[in-house]
N, C-alpha and C. Protein backbone atom coordinates (compact mmCIF):
# COMPACT_ATOMS: atom_id res chain seq x y z
N MET A 1 131.95 48.32 -19.19
CA MET A 1 131.84 47.73 -17.87
C MET A 1 133.15 47.12 -17.41
N ALA A 2 134.14 47.11 -18.21
CA ALA A 2 135.38 46.44 -17.87
C ALA A 2 136.04 47.06 -16.64
N GLY A 3 135.91 48.35 -16.45
CA GLY A 3 136.58 49.01 -15.33
C GLY A 3 135.76 49.07 -14.05
N ARG A 4 134.48 48.70 -14.13
CA ARG A 4 133.62 48.80 -12.95
C ARG A 4 133.56 47.47 -12.20
N ALA A 5 133.57 47.56 -10.89
CA ALA A 5 133.45 46.35 -10.05
C ALA A 5 131.99 45.94 -9.98
N ARG A 6 131.74 44.65 -9.97
CA ARG A 6 130.36 44.14 -9.83
C ARG A 6 129.89 44.32 -8.40
N ARG A 7 128.68 44.77 -8.23
CA ARG A 7 128.13 44.93 -6.90
C ARG A 7 127.51 43.65 -6.39
N ASP A 8 126.92 42.88 -7.28
CA ASP A 8 126.33 41.62 -6.84
C ASP A 8 127.37 40.52 -7.03
N ARG A 9 127.36 39.61 -6.11
CA ARG A 9 128.35 38.54 -6.12
C ARG A 9 127.67 37.25 -6.56
N PRO A 10 128.41 36.40 -7.23
CA PRO A 10 127.82 35.11 -7.62
C PRO A 10 127.53 34.25 -6.40
N GLY A 11 126.60 33.32 -6.54
CA GLY A 11 126.20 32.46 -5.43
C GLY A 11 127.33 31.63 -4.87
N TRP A 12 128.32 31.32 -5.68
CA TRP A 12 129.43 30.50 -5.21
C TRP A 12 130.47 31.33 -4.46
N CYS A 13 130.25 32.63 -4.39
CA CYS A 13 131.19 33.52 -3.69
C CYS A 13 130.40 34.52 -2.85
N PRO A 14 129.78 34.05 -1.76
CA PRO A 14 128.92 34.95 -0.97
C PRO A 14 129.72 36.05 -0.26
N ALA A 15 129.01 37.08 0.14
CA ALA A 15 129.64 38.23 0.79
C ALA A 15 130.04 37.95 2.24
N TRP A 16 129.51 36.90 2.83
CA TRP A 16 129.83 36.59 4.22
C TRP A 16 130.97 35.58 4.28
N GLY A 17 131.51 35.39 5.47
CA GLY A 17 132.69 34.56 5.67
C GLY A 17 132.43 33.06 5.55
N THR A 18 133.52 32.35 5.42
CA THR A 18 133.43 30.89 5.28
C THR A 18 132.97 30.22 6.56
N THR A 19 133.26 30.79 7.72
CA THR A 19 132.82 30.19 8.98
C THR A 19 131.30 30.20 9.05
N TRP A 20 130.68 31.32 8.68
CA TRP A 20 129.22 31.38 8.68
C TRP A 20 128.66 30.36 7.70
N GLN A 21 129.24 30.28 6.51
CA GLN A 21 128.75 29.36 5.49
C GLN A 21 128.91 27.91 5.95
N ARG A 22 130.04 27.62 6.61
CA ARG A 22 130.29 26.26 7.11
C ARG A 22 129.24 25.87 8.14
N CYS A 23 128.99 26.74 9.10
CA CYS A 23 127.98 26.45 10.12
C CYS A 23 126.60 26.31 9.50
N TYR A 24 126.28 27.17 8.56
CA TYR A 24 124.99 27.06 7.87
C TYR A 24 124.86 25.69 7.22
N ARG A 25 125.89 25.23 6.51
CA ARG A 25 125.83 23.93 5.83
C ARG A 25 125.71 22.79 6.84
N LEU A 26 126.43 22.88 7.97
CA LEU A 26 126.34 21.83 8.98
C LEU A 26 124.93 21.75 9.57
N VAL A 27 124.32 22.90 9.83
CA VAL A 27 122.95 22.91 10.36
C VAL A 27 121.98 22.40 9.29
N HIS A 28 122.16 22.85 8.07
CA HIS A 28 121.30 22.41 6.96
C HIS A 28 121.40 20.89 6.78
N ASN A 29 122.61 20.36 6.81
CA ASN A 29 122.80 18.90 6.67
C ASN A 29 122.13 18.16 7.82
N ARG A 30 122.27 18.68 9.02
CA ARG A 30 121.64 18.06 10.19
C ARG A 30 120.12 18.04 10.05
N LEU A 31 119.58 19.16 9.61
CA LEU A 31 118.13 19.27 9.44
C LEU A 31 117.63 18.28 8.38
N GLN A 32 118.38 18.13 7.30
CA GLN A 32 117.98 17.18 6.26
C GLN A 32 118.13 15.74 6.73
N ALA A 33 119.13 15.47 7.55
CA ALA A 33 119.40 14.10 7.99
C ALA A 33 118.36 13.58 8.97
N ASP A 34 118.03 14.38 9.98
CA ASP A 34 117.11 13.85 11.00
C ASP A 34 115.91 14.75 11.29
N GLY A 35 115.80 15.85 10.57
CA GLY A 35 114.63 16.70 10.71
C GLY A 35 114.58 17.57 11.95
N THR A 36 115.66 17.57 12.75
CA THR A 36 115.66 18.40 13.95
C THR A 36 116.64 19.55 13.80
N LEU A 37 116.22 20.67 14.32
CA LEU A 37 117.04 21.87 14.29
C LEU A 37 117.63 22.07 15.68
N PRO A 38 118.96 22.10 15.82
CA PRO A 38 119.54 22.32 17.15
C PRO A 38 119.25 23.75 17.62
N THR A 39 118.72 23.87 18.81
CA THR A 39 118.35 25.20 19.31
C THR A 39 118.98 25.56 20.64
N ALA A 40 119.58 24.59 21.32
CA ALA A 40 120.20 24.88 22.62
C ALA A 40 121.70 24.71 22.53
N ALA A 41 122.43 25.65 23.09
CA ALA A 41 123.89 25.60 23.08
C ALA A 41 124.38 24.35 23.78
N GLY A 42 125.39 23.73 23.20
CA GLY A 42 126.03 22.57 23.81
C GLY A 42 125.36 21.24 23.53
N THR A 43 124.21 21.22 22.88
CA THR A 43 123.52 19.94 22.67
C THR A 43 123.99 19.23 21.41
N VAL A 44 124.33 19.97 20.36
CA VAL A 44 124.80 19.36 19.12
C VAL A 44 126.09 20.06 18.69
N VAL A 45 127.18 19.31 18.75
CA VAL A 45 128.47 19.82 18.30
C VAL A 45 128.93 18.93 17.16
N VAL A 46 129.17 19.52 16.00
CA VAL A 46 129.61 18.78 14.82
C VAL A 46 130.87 19.44 14.30
N GLN A 47 131.91 18.64 14.11
CA GLN A 47 133.19 19.13 13.60
C GLN A 47 133.68 20.35 14.39
N GLY A 48 133.46 20.31 15.69
CA GLY A 48 133.92 21.38 16.57
C GLY A 48 133.02 22.60 16.61
N GLU A 49 131.93 22.59 15.89
CA GLU A 49 131.01 23.74 15.86
C GLU A 49 129.78 23.43 16.71
N ASP A 50 129.46 24.34 17.62
CA ASP A 50 128.27 24.21 18.45
C ASP A 50 127.09 24.75 17.64
N LEU A 51 126.35 23.84 17.03
CA LEU A 51 125.29 24.25 16.11
C LEU A 51 124.12 24.94 16.80
N GLY A 52 123.79 24.50 18.00
CA GLY A 52 122.72 25.16 18.75
C GLY A 52 123.06 26.59 19.08
N ARG A 53 124.31 26.82 19.47
CA ARG A 53 124.76 28.18 19.78
C ARG A 53 124.72 29.04 18.52
N TRP A 54 125.14 28.47 17.38
CA TRP A 54 125.14 29.21 16.13
C TRP A 54 123.72 29.60 15.73
N VAL A 55 122.78 28.66 15.81
CA VAL A 55 121.38 28.94 15.47
C VAL A 55 120.84 30.06 16.36
N THR A 56 121.09 29.97 17.65
CA THR A 56 120.62 30.99 18.58
C THR A 56 121.23 32.35 18.25
N ALA A 57 122.52 32.36 17.94
CA ALA A 57 123.18 33.63 17.61
C ALA A 57 122.59 34.26 16.36
N GLN A 58 122.25 33.45 15.37
CA GLN A 58 121.65 34.00 14.15
C GLN A 58 120.29 34.63 14.44
N ARG A 59 119.51 33.98 15.27
CA ARG A 59 118.18 34.50 15.61
C ARG A 59 118.29 35.80 16.42
N HIS A 60 119.28 35.89 17.29
CA HIS A 60 119.42 37.07 18.14
C HIS A 60 120.09 38.24 17.42
N ARG A 61 120.82 37.95 16.35
CA ARG A 61 121.51 39.00 15.59
C ARG A 61 120.91 39.18 14.20
N TRP A 62 119.66 38.84 14.06
CA TRP A 62 118.98 38.83 12.77
C TRP A 62 119.16 40.14 12.01
N GLU A 63 119.00 41.25 12.71
CA GLU A 63 119.06 42.55 12.02
C GLU A 63 120.46 42.88 11.53
N ARG A 64 121.48 42.19 11.99
CA ARG A 64 122.85 42.43 11.52
C ARG A 64 123.21 41.56 10.31
N LEU A 65 122.35 40.61 9.99
CA LEU A 65 122.62 39.72 8.86
C LEU A 65 122.26 40.41 7.55
N LEU A 66 122.91 39.99 6.48
CA LEU A 66 122.55 40.47 5.15
C LEU A 66 121.20 39.88 4.77
N LEU A 67 120.50 40.54 3.88
CA LEU A 67 119.19 40.06 3.45
C LEU A 67 119.27 38.65 2.88
N ALA A 68 120.34 38.35 2.15
CA ALA A 68 120.50 37.01 1.58
C ALA A 68 120.66 35.97 2.68
N GLN A 69 121.37 36.30 3.75
CA GLN A 69 121.52 35.38 4.88
C GLN A 69 120.18 35.16 5.55
N GLN A 70 119.44 36.24 5.78
CA GLN A 70 118.12 36.12 6.39
C GLN A 70 117.23 35.23 5.53
N TRP A 71 117.27 35.42 4.22
CA TRP A 71 116.46 34.61 3.32
C TRP A 71 116.83 33.13 3.44
N LEU A 72 118.12 32.83 3.43
CA LEU A 72 118.57 31.44 3.56
C LEU A 72 118.07 30.82 4.86
N LEU A 73 118.27 31.53 5.96
CA LEU A 73 117.87 31.00 7.26
C LEU A 73 116.37 30.78 7.34
N GLU A 74 115.61 31.74 6.82
CA GLU A 74 114.16 31.65 6.90
C GLU A 74 113.60 30.57 5.97
N ASN A 75 114.10 30.51 4.75
CA ASN A 75 113.50 29.64 3.74
C ASN A 75 114.08 28.23 3.69
N THR A 76 115.27 28.02 4.22
CA THR A 76 115.84 26.67 4.18
C THR A 76 115.90 26.02 5.56
N LEU A 77 116.05 26.83 6.60
CA LEU A 77 116.13 26.27 7.95
C LEU A 77 114.86 26.53 8.75
N GLY A 78 114.02 27.43 8.27
CA GLY A 78 112.79 27.75 8.99
C GLY A 78 113.02 28.64 10.20
N LEU A 79 114.11 29.38 10.21
CA LEU A 79 114.40 30.27 11.34
C LEU A 79 113.70 31.61 11.18
N ALA A 80 113.49 32.25 12.31
CA ALA A 80 112.93 33.59 12.34
C ALA A 80 113.68 34.38 13.41
N PRO A 81 113.62 35.69 13.33
CA PRO A 81 114.31 36.47 14.37
C PRO A 81 113.75 36.17 15.75
N ALA A 82 114.59 36.26 16.75
CA ALA A 82 114.16 36.04 18.13
C ALA A 82 113.24 37.18 18.55
N GLY A 83 112.19 36.82 19.28
CA GLY A 83 111.29 37.83 19.81
C GLY A 83 111.92 38.55 20.99
N ARG A 84 111.34 39.65 21.36
CA ARG A 84 111.89 40.43 22.49
C ARG A 84 111.97 39.61 23.76
N ASP A 85 110.98 38.75 23.99
CA ASP A 85 110.96 37.95 25.21
C ASP A 85 112.02 36.84 25.19
N GLU A 86 112.59 36.52 24.03
CA GLU A 86 113.62 35.48 23.92
C GLU A 86 115.03 36.02 24.04
N ARG A 87 115.18 37.30 23.88
CA ARG A 87 116.53 37.87 23.89
C ARG A 87 117.09 37.89 25.31
N PRO A 88 118.39 37.64 25.41
CA PRO A 88 119.00 37.62 26.75
C PRO A 88 118.99 39.00 27.40
N VAL A 89 118.82 38.99 28.69
CA VAL A 89 118.83 40.24 29.45
C VAL A 89 120.29 40.58 29.75
N LYS A 90 120.62 41.83 29.55
CA LYS A 90 121.99 42.26 29.82
C LYS A 90 122.25 42.19 31.32
N ARG A 91 123.33 41.51 31.68
CA ARG A 91 123.62 41.32 33.11
C ARG A 91 124.38 42.52 33.67
N THR A 92 124.14 42.79 34.95
CA THR A 92 124.85 43.87 35.64
C THR A 92 126.19 43.35 36.11
N ARG A 93 127.02 44.24 36.61
CA ARG A 93 128.32 43.81 37.16
C ARG A 93 128.12 42.84 38.32
N ASP A 94 127.14 43.15 39.16
CA ASP A 94 126.87 42.26 40.30
C ASP A 94 126.38 40.90 39.81
N GLY A 95 125.59 40.90 38.76
CA GLY A 95 125.11 39.64 38.19
C GLY A 95 126.25 38.82 37.60
N LYS A 96 127.17 39.50 36.93
CA LYS A 96 128.33 38.80 36.36
C LYS A 96 129.20 38.24 37.48
N TRP A 97 129.41 39.05 38.54
CA TRP A 97 130.20 38.58 39.67
C TRP A 97 129.55 37.34 40.29
N ALA A 98 128.25 37.39 40.46
CA ALA A 98 127.53 36.26 41.07
C ALA A 98 127.68 34.99 40.22
N ALA A 99 127.59 35.13 38.90
CA ALA A 99 127.74 33.97 38.02
C ALA A 99 129.16 33.43 38.09
N ASN A 100 130.15 34.30 38.08
CA ASN A 100 131.54 33.87 38.17
C ASN A 100 131.82 33.19 39.50
N LEU A 101 131.28 33.76 40.58
CA LEU A 101 131.48 33.17 41.89
C LEU A 101 130.79 31.80 41.99
N GLU A 102 129.62 31.69 41.40
CA GLU A 102 128.91 30.40 41.39
C GLU A 102 129.72 29.36 40.61
N ALA A 103 130.33 29.77 39.52
CA ALA A 103 131.18 28.86 38.75
C ALA A 103 132.39 28.43 39.58
N ALA A 104 132.96 29.37 40.32
CA ALA A 104 134.10 29.03 41.19
C ALA A 104 133.67 28.05 42.28
N ARG A 105 132.50 28.27 42.85
CA ARG A 105 131.98 27.34 43.88
C ARG A 105 131.74 25.95 43.29
N GLN A 106 131.18 25.91 42.11
CA GLN A 106 130.91 24.63 41.45
C GLN A 106 132.21 23.88 41.19
N PHE A 107 133.22 24.58 40.70
CA PHE A 107 134.52 23.96 40.45
C PHE A 107 135.14 23.46 41.75
N HIS A 108 135.09 24.30 42.79
CA HIS A 108 135.67 23.95 44.09
C HIS A 108 134.99 22.73 44.68
N THR A 109 133.68 22.68 44.57
CA THR A 109 132.93 21.53 45.10
C THR A 109 133.33 20.24 44.38
N ARG A 110 133.49 20.34 43.08
CA ARG A 110 133.82 19.16 42.28
C ARG A 110 135.28 18.75 42.43
N GLU A 111 136.20 19.71 42.43
CA GLU A 111 137.63 19.42 42.41
C GLU A 111 138.31 19.48 43.79
N GLY A 112 137.70 20.21 44.72
CA GLY A 112 138.27 20.32 46.06
C GLY A 112 139.35 21.39 46.18
N HIS A 113 139.53 22.17 45.14
CA HIS A 113 140.53 23.26 45.17
C HIS A 113 140.10 24.32 44.17
N LEU A 114 140.85 25.42 44.13
CA LEU A 114 140.55 26.49 43.18
C LEU A 114 141.79 26.84 42.36
N ARG A 115 142.61 25.84 42.08
CA ARG A 115 143.76 26.04 41.18
C ARG A 115 143.28 25.70 39.77
N VAL A 116 142.74 26.71 39.12
CA VAL A 116 142.07 26.53 37.84
C VAL A 116 143.01 26.92 36.70
N PRO A 117 143.18 26.06 35.69
CA PRO A 117 143.99 26.44 34.53
C PRO A 117 143.39 27.66 33.83
N HIS A 118 144.24 28.47 33.26
CA HIS A 118 143.79 29.72 32.63
C HIS A 118 142.73 29.49 31.55
N GLU A 119 142.83 28.42 30.80
CA GLU A 119 141.91 28.15 29.69
C GLU A 119 140.60 27.48 30.12
N HIS A 120 140.47 27.13 31.39
CA HIS A 120 139.32 26.36 31.84
C HIS A 120 138.02 27.15 31.71
N VAL A 121 136.98 26.45 31.22
CA VAL A 121 135.64 27.02 31.08
C VAL A 121 134.71 26.19 31.94
N GLU A 122 133.91 26.84 32.76
CA GLU A 122 132.95 26.16 33.64
C GLU A 122 131.55 26.44 33.12
N ARG A 123 130.77 25.40 32.97
CA ARG A 123 129.41 25.54 32.45
C ARG A 123 128.41 25.52 33.60
N LEU A 124 127.62 26.58 33.67
CA LEU A 124 126.50 26.64 34.60
C LEU A 124 125.24 26.37 33.80
N GLU A 125 124.11 26.35 34.47
CA GLU A 125 122.85 26.07 33.77
C GLU A 125 122.58 27.05 32.64
N ALA A 126 122.71 28.33 32.91
CA ALA A 126 122.30 29.34 31.92
C ALA A 126 123.47 30.07 31.28
N VAL A 127 124.69 29.79 31.69
CA VAL A 127 125.81 30.58 31.18
C VAL A 127 127.10 29.75 31.19
N VAL A 128 128.02 30.14 30.32
CA VAL A 128 129.34 29.55 30.29
C VAL A 128 130.31 30.59 30.83
N VAL A 129 131.13 30.19 31.82
CA VAL A 129 132.04 31.13 32.48
C VAL A 129 133.47 30.74 32.15
N LYS A 130 134.26 31.71 31.70
CA LYS A 130 135.69 31.50 31.48
C LYS A 130 136.36 31.65 32.84
N LEU A 131 136.26 30.60 33.63
CA LEU A 131 136.65 30.66 35.03
C LEU A 131 138.14 30.94 35.22
N GLY A 132 138.98 30.27 34.45
CA GLY A 132 140.42 30.48 34.59
C GLY A 132 140.81 31.92 34.33
N THR A 133 140.29 32.49 33.29
CA THR A 133 140.58 33.88 32.94
C THR A 133 140.06 34.81 34.02
N TRP A 134 138.84 34.55 34.50
CA TRP A 134 138.26 35.41 35.52
C TRP A 134 139.10 35.39 36.80
N LEU A 135 139.51 34.20 37.23
CA LEU A 135 140.32 34.11 38.45
C LEU A 135 141.67 34.79 38.29
N ASP A 136 142.28 34.66 37.12
CA ASP A 136 143.55 35.37 36.87
C ASP A 136 143.36 36.88 36.98
N ASN A 137 142.27 37.38 36.41
CA ASN A 137 141.99 38.82 36.49
C ASN A 137 141.69 39.27 37.91
N VAL A 138 140.97 38.45 38.66
CA VAL A 138 140.66 38.78 40.06
C VAL A 138 141.95 38.86 40.87
N ARG A 139 142.86 37.92 40.65
CA ARG A 139 144.14 37.93 41.38
C ARG A 139 144.93 39.20 41.09
N LYS A 140 144.89 39.65 39.85
CA LYS A 140 145.63 40.86 39.46
C LYS A 140 145.03 42.12 40.10
N ARG A 141 143.73 42.06 40.40
CA ARG A 141 143.04 43.25 40.93
C ARG A 141 142.62 43.07 42.40
N VAL A 142 143.30 42.20 43.10
CA VAL A 142 142.90 41.88 44.47
C VAL A 142 142.85 43.11 45.37
N ALA A 143 143.73 44.06 45.15
CA ALA A 143 143.77 45.26 45.99
C ALA A 143 142.51 46.11 45.82
N LYS A 144 141.85 45.99 44.69
CA LYS A 144 140.67 46.80 44.41
C LYS A 144 139.36 46.09 44.76
N LEU A 145 139.44 44.83 45.20
CA LEU A 145 138.24 44.06 45.50
C LEU A 145 137.56 44.55 46.77
N ALA A 146 136.25 44.54 46.77
CA ALA A 146 135.49 44.87 47.97
C ALA A 146 135.75 43.77 49.00
N GLU A 147 135.65 44.13 50.26
CA GLU A 147 135.94 43.20 51.36
C GLU A 147 135.12 41.91 51.26
N GLN A 148 133.82 42.05 50.99
CA GLN A 148 132.94 40.88 50.93
C GLN A 148 133.34 39.95 49.78
N ARG A 149 133.69 40.54 48.65
CA ARG A 149 134.09 39.71 47.50
C ARG A 149 135.37 38.95 47.80
N ARG A 150 136.30 39.60 48.43
CA ARG A 150 137.55 38.92 48.79
C ARG A 150 137.26 37.81 49.81
N ALA A 151 136.37 38.09 50.76
CA ALA A 151 136.01 37.09 51.77
C ALA A 151 135.35 35.88 51.12
N ASP A 152 134.50 36.12 50.11
CA ASP A 152 133.85 35.01 49.39
C ASP A 152 134.89 34.11 48.73
N LEU A 153 135.89 34.72 48.11
CA LEU A 153 136.94 33.93 47.45
C LEU A 153 137.87 33.26 48.47
N ASP A 154 138.15 33.96 49.56
CA ASP A 154 138.98 33.35 50.62
C ASP A 154 138.30 32.10 51.17
N ALA A 155 136.98 32.13 51.29
CA ALA A 155 136.24 30.97 51.81
C ALA A 155 136.40 29.75 50.91
N LEU A 156 136.66 30.00 49.61
CA LEU A 156 136.88 28.90 48.69
C LEU A 156 138.34 28.47 48.62
N GLY A 157 139.20 29.20 49.32
CA GLY A 157 140.61 28.84 49.35
C GLY A 157 141.37 29.24 48.11
N ILE A 158 141.02 30.41 47.54
CA ILE A 158 141.71 30.86 46.33
C ILE A 158 143.19 31.09 46.63
N PRO A 159 144.06 30.55 45.80
CA PRO A 159 145.49 30.85 45.98
C PRO A 159 145.80 32.23 45.43
N TRP A 160 146.11 33.15 46.30
CA TRP A 160 146.39 34.53 45.87
C TRP A 160 147.81 34.57 45.39
């Protein structure tokens, strides 16, 4: 057996990455400390990790997890795969545009301008929009924008 690689890995050296293991431990510690499992994005952030977002992602990507990961989540955290009715609906281009435009309106209402830093993220009720990146991309593609879309942005005073 000296020349053959082991297929099973010891428990102290799991097959998945350290980021997954770190988030799992943070959620597990939280559950042991106060008995609540974070389930909504943005509600519980520990050491820079959004635990609610992580929990949701595990449930929605259940079939992509290794069996050992599924076992850990199910038996230690009480998680189960997300049902079909819980999975997010894939948005259309028009839906994405509408969400981005709503984020731009929200920012404009709050700040009074649309000079958004590239790294800025705007949070809406159901979605997080990388507003700065989106506006930079829109400016680069202004010639290809439909008339109505350009008019919507002009109404907000976008600096072209």
